[in-house]
PDB file of N, CA and C in Angstrom:
ATOM      1  N   MET A   1      52.493  37.301  85.494  1.00  0.00           N
ATOM      2  CA  MET A   1      52.385  37.893  86.813  1.00  0.00           C
ATOM      3  C   MET A   1      51.021  38.539  86.980  1.00  0.00           C
ATOM      4  N   ALA A   2      50.499  38.442  88.173  1.00  0.00           N
ATOM      5  CA  ALA A   2      49.200  39.034  88.462  1.00  0.00           C
ATOM      6  C   ALA A   2      49.365  40.519  88.732  1.00  0.00           C
ATOM      7  N   ARG A   3      48.390  41.256  88.276  1.00  0.00           N
ATOM      8  CA  ARG A   3      48.383  42.698  88.491  1.00  0.00           C
ATOM      9  C   ARG A   3      47.903  42.997  89.914  1.00  0.00           C
ATOM     10  N   PRO A   4      48.503  43.960  90.626  1.00  0.00           N
ATOM     11  CA  PRO A   4      48.038  44.272  91.983  1.00  0.00           C
ATOM     12  C   PRO A   4      46.587  44.738  91.978  1.00  0.00           C
ATOM     13  N   LYS A   5      45.869  44.305  92.964  1.00  0.00           N
ATOM     14  CA  LYS A   5      44.456  44.680  93.087  1.00  0.00           C
ATOM     15  C   LYS A   5      44.355  46.146  93.490  1.00  0.00           C
ATOM     16  N   ARG A   6      43.555  46.901  92.771  1.00  0.00           N
ATOM     17  CA  ARG A   6      43.342  48.319  93.090  1.00  0.00           C
ATOM     18  C   ARG A   6      42.208  48.439  94.092  1.00  0.00           C
ATOM     19  N   THR A   7      42.374  49.370  95.025  1.00  0.00           N
ATOM     20  CA  THR A   7      41.326  49.607  96.019  1.00  0.00           C
ATOM     21  C   THR A   7      40.841  51.040  95.876  1.00  0.00           C
ATOM     22  N   ALA A   8      39.784  51.352  96.593  1.00  0.00           N
ATOM     23  CA  ALA A   8      39.227  52.700  96.539  1.00  0.00           C
ATOM     24  C   ALA A   8      40.206  53.719  97.121  1.00  0.00           C
ATOM     25  N   GLU A   9      41.100  53.276  98.002  1.00  0.00           N
ATOM     26  CA  GLU A   9      42.043  54.184  98.631  1.00  0.00           C
ATOM     27  C   GLU A   9      43.094  54.712  97.658  1.00  0.00           C
ATOM     28  N   ASP A  10      43.271  54.054  96.563  1.00  0.00           N
ATOM     29  CA  ASP A  10      44.290  54.486  95.601  1.00  0.00           C
ATOM     30  C   ASP A  10      44.012  55.884  95.059  1.00  0.00           C
ATOM     31  N   GLY A  11      42.755  56.284  94.980  1.00  0.00           N
ATOM     32  CA  GLY A  11      42.418  57.564  94.380  1.00  0.00           C
ATOM     33  C   GLY A  11      42.106  58.663  95.377  1.00  0.00           C
ATOM     34  N   ILE A  12      42.300  58.409  96.669  1.00  0.00           N
ATOM     35  CA  ILE A  12      41.963  59.401  97.686  1.00  0.00           C
ATOM     36  C   ILE A  12      43.170  60.289  97.972  1.00  0.00           C
ATOM     37  N   GLN A  13      42.926  61.579  98.038  1.00  0.00           N
ATOM     38  CA  GLN A  13      43.981  62.531  98.380  1.00  0.00           C
ATOM     39  C   GLN A  13      43.466  63.407  99.516  1.00  0.00           C
ATOM     40  N   VAL A  14      44.282  63.555 100.557  1.00  0.00           N
ATOM     41  CA  VAL A  14      43.898  64.356 101.715  1.00  0.00           C
ATOM     42  C   VAL A  14      44.628  65.687 101.646  1.00  0.00           C
ATOM     43  N   VAL A  15      43.861  66.765 101.771  1.00  0.00           N
ATOM     44  CA  VAL A  15      44.442  68.102 101.767  1.00  0.00           C
ATOM     45  C   VAL A  15      44.075  68.770 103.082  1.00  0.00           C
ATOM     46  N   LEU A  16      45.086  69.226 103.796  1.00  0.00           N
ATOM     47  CA  LEU A  16      44.843  69.890 105.076  1.00  0.00           C
ATOM     48  C   LEU A  16      44.784  71.391 104.870  1.00  0.00           C
ATOM     49  N   GLU A  17      43.716  71.985 105.368  1.00  0.00           N
ATOM     50  CA  GLU A  17      43.562  73.430 105.297  1.00  0.00           C
ATOM     51  C   GLU A  17      43.442  73.964 106.711  1.00  0.00           C
ATOM     52  N   PRO A  18      44.079  75.061 107.011  1.00  0.00           N
ATOM     53  CA  PRO A  18      43.989  75.598 108.368  1.00  0.00           C
ATOM     54  C   PRO A  18      42.566  76.020 108.705  1.00  0.00           C
ATOM     55  N   SER A  19      42.219  75.799 109.938  1.00  0.00           N
ATOM     56  CA  SER A  19      40.890  76.179 110.414  1.00  0.00           C
ATOM     57  C   SER A  19      40.877  77.654 110.780  1.00  0.00           C
ATOM     58  N   ASP A  20      39.743  78.290 110.594  1.00  0.00           N
ATOM     59  CA  ASP A  20      39.599  79.691 110.996  1.00  0.00           C
ATOM     60  C   ASP A  20      39.568  79.823 112.520  1.00  0.00           C
ATOM     61  N   ARG A  21      39.180  78.740 113.200  1.00  0.00           N
ATOM     62  CA  ARG A  21      39.079  78.770 114.654  1.00  0.00           C
ATOM     63  C   ARG A  21      40.415  78.592 115.346  1.00  0.00           C
ATOM     64  N   SER A  22      41.341  77.857 114.744  1.00  0.00           N
ATOM     65  CA  SER A  22      42.621  77.613 115.405  1.00  0.00           C
ATOM     66  C   SER A  22      43.630  78.686 115.016  1.00  0.00           C
ATOM     67  N   PRO A  23      44.462  79.078 115.978  1.00  0.00           N
ATOM     68  CA  PRO A  23      45.459  80.110 115.669  1.00  0.00           C
ATOM     69  C   PRO A  23      46.515  79.574 114.713  1.00  0.00           C
ATOM     70  N   ALA A  24      47.121  80.455 113.989  1.00  0.00           N
ATOM     71  CA  ALA A  24      48.172  80.059 113.058  1.00  0.00           C
ATOM     72  C   ALA A  24      49.369  79.543 113.845  1.00  0.00           C
ATOM     73  N   TYR A  25      50.025  78.548 113.322  1.00  0.00           N
ATOM     74  CA  TYR A  25      51.184  77.967 113.991  1.00  0.00           C
ATOM     75  C   TYR A  25      52.376  78.898 113.842  1.00  0.00           C
ATOM     76  N   ASP A  26      52.986  79.225 114.961  1.00  0.00           N
ATOM     77  CA  ASP A  26      54.181  80.065 114.963  1.00  0.00           C
ATOM     78  C   ASP A  26      55.245  79.330 115.768  1.00  0.00           C
ATOM     79  N   PRO A  27      56.265  78.781 115.103  1.00  0.00           N
ATOM     80  CA  PRO A  27      57.269  77.990 115.823  1.00  0.00           C
ATOM     81  C   PRO A  27      58.081  78.796 116.834  1.00  0.00           C
ATOM     82  N   SER A  28      58.056  80.112 116.757  1.00  0.00           N
ATOM     83  CA  SER A  28      58.817  80.914 117.713  1.00  0.00           C
ATOM     84  C   SER A  28      58.069  81.085 119.034  1.00  0.00           C
ATOM     85  N   LYS A  29      56.786  80.726 119.072  1.00  0.00           N
ATOM     86  CA  LYS A  29      55.986  80.845 120.297  1.00  0.00           C
ATOM     87  C   LYS A  29      55.738  79.455 120.881  1.00  0.00           C
ATOM     88  N   ARG A  30      55.604  79.416 122.197  1.00  0.00           N
ATOM     89  CA  ARG A  30      55.294  78.163 122.867  1.00  0.00           C
ATOM     90  C   ARG A  30      53.841  77.782 122.618  1.00  0.00           C
ATOM     91  N   ASP A  31      53.623  76.499 122.401  1.00  0.00           N
ATOM     92  CA  ASP A  31      52.262  75.992 122.253  1.00  0.00           C
ATOM     93  C   ASP A  31      51.683  75.824 123.659  1.00  0.00           C
ATOM     94  N   PRO A  32      50.613  76.536 123.996  1.00  0.00           N
ATOM     95  CA  PRO A  32      50.077  76.459 125.362  1.00  0.00           C
ATOM     96  C   PRO A  32      49.625  75.051 125.748  1.00  0.00           C
ATOM     97  N   ARG A  33      49.234  74.240 124.791  1.00  0.00           N
ATOM     98  CA  ARG A  33      48.834  72.862 125.105  1.00  0.00           C
ATOM     99  C   ARG A  33      50.026  72.058 125.587  1.00  0.00           C
ATOM    100  N   ILE A  34      51.178  72.264 124.961  1.00  0.00           N
ATOM    101  CA  ILE A  34      52.374  71.537 125.379  1.00  0.00           C
ATOM    102  C   ILE A  34      52.847  72.043 126.733  1.00  0.00           C
ATOM    103  N   VAL A  35      52.780  73.345 126.947  1.00  0.00           N
ATOM    104  CA  VAL A  35      53.165  73.914 128.243  1.00  0.00           C
ATOM    105  C   VAL A  35      52.288  73.313 129.344  1.00  0.00           C
ATOM    106  N   ASP A  36      50.988  73.229 129.126  1.00  0.00           N
ATOM    107  CA  ASP A  36      50.081  72.641 130.113  1.00  0.00           C
ATOM    108  C   ASP A  36      50.393  71.169 130.351  1.00  0.00           C
ATOM    109  N   LEU A  37      50.698  70.440 129.279  1.00  0.00           N
ATOM    110  CA  LEU A  37      51.022  69.023 129.407  1.00  0.00           C
ATOM    111  C   LEU A  37      52.299  68.836 130.226  1.00  0.00           C
ATOM    112  N   VAL A  38      53.316  69.632 129.955  1.00  0.00           N
ATOM    113  CA  VAL A  38      54.579  69.522 130.695  1.00  0.00           C
ATOM    114  C   VAL A  38      54.357  69.844 132.173  1.00  0.00           C
ATOM    115  N   ARG A  39      53.563  70.865 132.463  1.00  0.00           N
ATOM    116  CA  ARG A  39      53.260  71.196 133.862  1.00  0.00           C
ATOM    117  C   ARG A  39      52.528  70.059 134.553  1.00  0.00           C
ATOM    118  N   LEU A  40      51.558  69.473 133.859  1.00  0.00           N
ATOM    119  CA  LEU A  40      50.810  68.358 134.417  1.00  0.00           C
ATOM    120  C   LEU A  40      51.734  67.179 134.718  1.00  0.00           C
ATOM    121  N   LEU A  41      52.611  66.847 133.781  1.00  0.00           N
ATOM    122  CA  LEU A  41      53.540  65.732 133.982  1.00  0.00           C
ATOM    123  C   LEU A  41      54.525  66.028 135.107  1.00  0.00           C
ATOM    124  N   ALA A  42      54.978  67.271 135.221  1.00  0.00           N
ATOM    125  CA  ALA A  42      55.902  67.642 136.291  1.00  0.00           C
ATOM    126  C   ALA A  42      55.217  67.521 137.657  1.00  0.00           C
ATOM    127  N   ARG A  43      53.976  67.970 137.754  1.00  0.00           N
ATOM    128  CA  ARG A  43      53.234  67.843 139.019  1.00  0.00           C
ATOM    129  C   ARG A  43      53.051  66.381 139.403  1.00  0.00           C
ATOM    130  N   GLN A  44      52.708  65.568 138.413  1.00  0.00           N
ATOM    131  CA  GLN A  44      52.504  64.146 138.674  1.00  0.00           C
ATOM    132  C   GLN A  44      53.806  63.489 139.138  1.00  0.00           C
ATOM    133  N   ALA A  45      54.917  63.814 138.481  1.00  0.00           N
ATOM    134  CA  ALA A  45      56.212  63.245 138.866  1.00  0.00           C
ATOM    135  C   ALA A  45      56.594  63.695 140.278  1.00  0.00           C
ATOM    136  N   ALA A  46      56.356  64.956 140.604  1.00  0.00           N
ATOM    137  CA  ALA A  46      56.671  65.462 141.943  1.00  0.00           C
ATOM    138  C   ALA A  46      55.813  64.768 142.993  1.00  0.00           C
ATOM    139  N   ARG A  47      54.545  64.589 142.693  1.00  0.00           N
ATOM    140  CA  ARG A  47      53.636  63.921 143.629  1.00  0.00           C
ATOM    141  C   ARG A  47      54.094  62.485 143.879  1.00  0.00           C
ATOM    142  N   GLU A  48      54.444  61.773 142.810  1.00  0.00           N
ATOM    143  CA  GLU A  48      54.904  60.391 142.959  1.00  0.00           C
ATOM    144  C   GLU A  48      56.221  60.322 143.732  1.00  0.00           C
ATOM    145  N   PHE A  49      57.104  61.293 143.516  1.00  0.00           N
ATOM    146  CA  PHE A  49      58.369  61.334 144.240  1.00  0.00           C
ATOM    147  C   PHE A  49      58.133  61.531 145.732  1.00  0.00           C
ATOM    148  N   VAL A  50      57.269  62.480 146.082  1.00  0.00           N
ATOM    149  CA  VAL A  50      56.982  62.755 147.489  1.00  0.00           C
ATOM    150  C   VAL A  50      56.333  61.541 148.142  1.00  0.00           C
ATOM    151  N   GLU A  51      55.395  60.911 147.461  1.00  0.00           N
ATOM    152  CA  GLU A  51      54.751  59.721 148.020  1.00  0.00           C
ATOM    153  C   GLU A  51      55.761  58.597 148.236  1.00  0.00           C
ATOM    154  N   ALA A  52      56.687  58.411 147.298  1.00  0.00           N
ATOM    155  CA  ALA A  52      57.710  57.380 147.447  1.00  0.00           C
ATOM    156  C   ALA A  52      58.634  57.697 148.616  1.00  0.00           C
ATOM    157  N   GLU A  53      58.963  58.971 148.804  1.00  0.00           N
ATOM    158  CA  GLU A  53      59.803  59.364 149.938  1.00  0.00           C
ATOM    159  C   GLU A  53      59.080  59.145 151.257  1.00  0.00           C
ATOM    160  N   TRP A  54      57.792  59.454 151.322  1.00  0.00           N
ATOM    161  CA  TRP A  54      57.021  59.206 152.538  1.00  0.00           C
ATOM    162  C   TRP A  54      56.990  57.707 152.852  1.00  0.00           C
ATOM    163  N   GLU A  55      56.782  56.913 151.819  1.00  0.00           N
ATOM    164  CA  GLU A  55      56.742  55.456 152.009  1.00  0.00           C
ATOM    165  C   GLU A  55      58.099  54.947 152.492  1.00  0.00           C
ATOM    166  N   ARG A  56      59.189  55.441 151.921  1.00  0.00           N
ATOM    167  CA  ARG A  56      60.527  55.036 152.337  1.00  0.00           C
ATOM    168  C   ARG A  56      60.777  55.446 153.783  1.00  0.00           C
ATOM    169  N   GLU A  57      60.344  56.644 154.135  1.00  0.00           N
ATOM    170  CA  GLU A  57      60.519  57.135 155.503  1.00  0.00           C
ATOM    171  C   GLU A  57      59.754  56.258 156.498  1.00  0.00           C
ATOM    172  N   ARG A  58      58.539  55.854 156.153  1.00  0.00           N
ATOM    173  CA  ARG A  58      57.752  54.976 157.022  1.00  0.00           C
ATOM    174  C   ARG A  58      58.423  53.620 157.209  1.00  0.00           C
ATOM    175  N   ARG A  59      58.967  53.075 156.122  1.00  0.00           N
ATOM    176  CA  ARG A  59      59.630  51.768 156.216  1.00  0.00           C
ATOM    177  C   ARG A  59      60.891  51.858 157.061  1.00  0.00           C
ATOM    178  N   ASP A  60      61.624  52.963 156.947  1.00  0.00           N
ATOM    179  CA  ASP A  60      62.877  53.110 157.694  1.00  0.00           C
ATOM    180  C   ASP A  60      62.645  53.268 159.191  1.00  0.00           C
ATOM    181  N   HIS A  61      61.498  53.751 159.597  1.00  0.00           N
ATOM    182  CA  HIS A  61      61.239  54.021 161.012  1.00  0.00           C
ATOM    183  C   HIS A  61      60.288  53.038 161.653  1.00  0.00           C
ATOM    184  N   LEU A  62      60.024  51.914 161.008  1.00  0.00           N
ATOM    185  CA  LEU A  62      59.162  50.912 161.627  1.00  0.00           C
ATOM    186  C   LEU A  62      59.904  50.246 162.776  1.00  0.00           C
ATOM    187  N   PRO A  63      59.214  50.008 163.880  1.00  0.00           N
ATOM    188  CA  PRO A  63      59.886  49.335 165.012  1.00  0.00           C
ATOM    189  C   PRO A  63      60.212  47.883 164.651  1.00  0.00           C
ATOM    190  N   ASP A  64      61.336  47.406 165.179  1.00  0.00           N
ATOM    191  CA  ASP A  64      61.756  46.005 164.900  1.00  0.00           C
ATOM    192  C   ASP A  64      61.038  45.021 165.755  1.00  0.00           C
TER     193      ASP A  64
END
């Protein structure tokens, strides 16, 4: 049987260290980035809903 070919990646180890610039993660607090993302998505969904309702209203009132 042939031996598996070794690559340079076999010896690499990644260690994550917290940055001094980023705040410590606290699961009991809301992440402001996620809060902003949810607000953005909610605004977009509301905008699309209103536009779809306007379009439906225009189609319903077109003269025959």
